[in-house]
Amino acid sequence: MADEIDPRLARGMTTAIKLFTPKSGAPNPPSFKYPKEIAEAWNQLSISTVMGDVWGREALDPKQRAMITIGVLTALDKPAQLRQYITGGLNLGLTRFELIGTKAACQFLGHLSKVLIFGLGGFAFGAHAGLLAVLCACVVGGTWLGSHVLHHVNERMFTWLYRSVLTVVALRLVATPLWASWG
């Protein structure tokens, strides 16, 4: 009886294999660092709950679930998990257009909520109108450039570019406080 696998864990493992197995065929489940004292139990709980209970439901198409998860991880600023679920979404057949559209929509909503909260808090946007106009122009220009580039690269190049940009951003986030502490 002790050797029987929990049905939630089994369903979670099946779901994780589908999500994290690239078209090349070798499963590549995410690996996150946890304290060794809880790592095994935490991984089983995560797989049972996230993959078995949530992702295992049939109410949503896996691609839609991937877009929602990517949006939530974008809003929560969880880059390690985001990278894994972006890869999972691509494995499920998300296109680069769906991926970029999902991230852009979530970032737009996040920025809109900040504007509303700061506005309610009394932030004087008028005093910074010039800078805000330049930032808005950069957003429009970057969106235009990105959509044109997106139409001219294949999936492999897109994946490489996307991962490279995420890596550069992550390195900058790590390096900035280090440079500040040395200066």
Foldseek 3Di string as FASTA:
>chain_A
DVPDDDQLLVQLVVQQQQQQAAPVGDGDGADDDDPPVCVVVVVSVCSSPVRRPPVSDPPDDNLVVLLVVLLVCLLVVPLSVNVRSVNSNVRVPDDPVSNVVSNVVSVVVSVVVVVVVVVVVPDDVVVVVVVVVVVVVVVVVVVVVVVVVSVVDDPVVVVVVVVVVSVVVVVCVVVVVVVVVVD
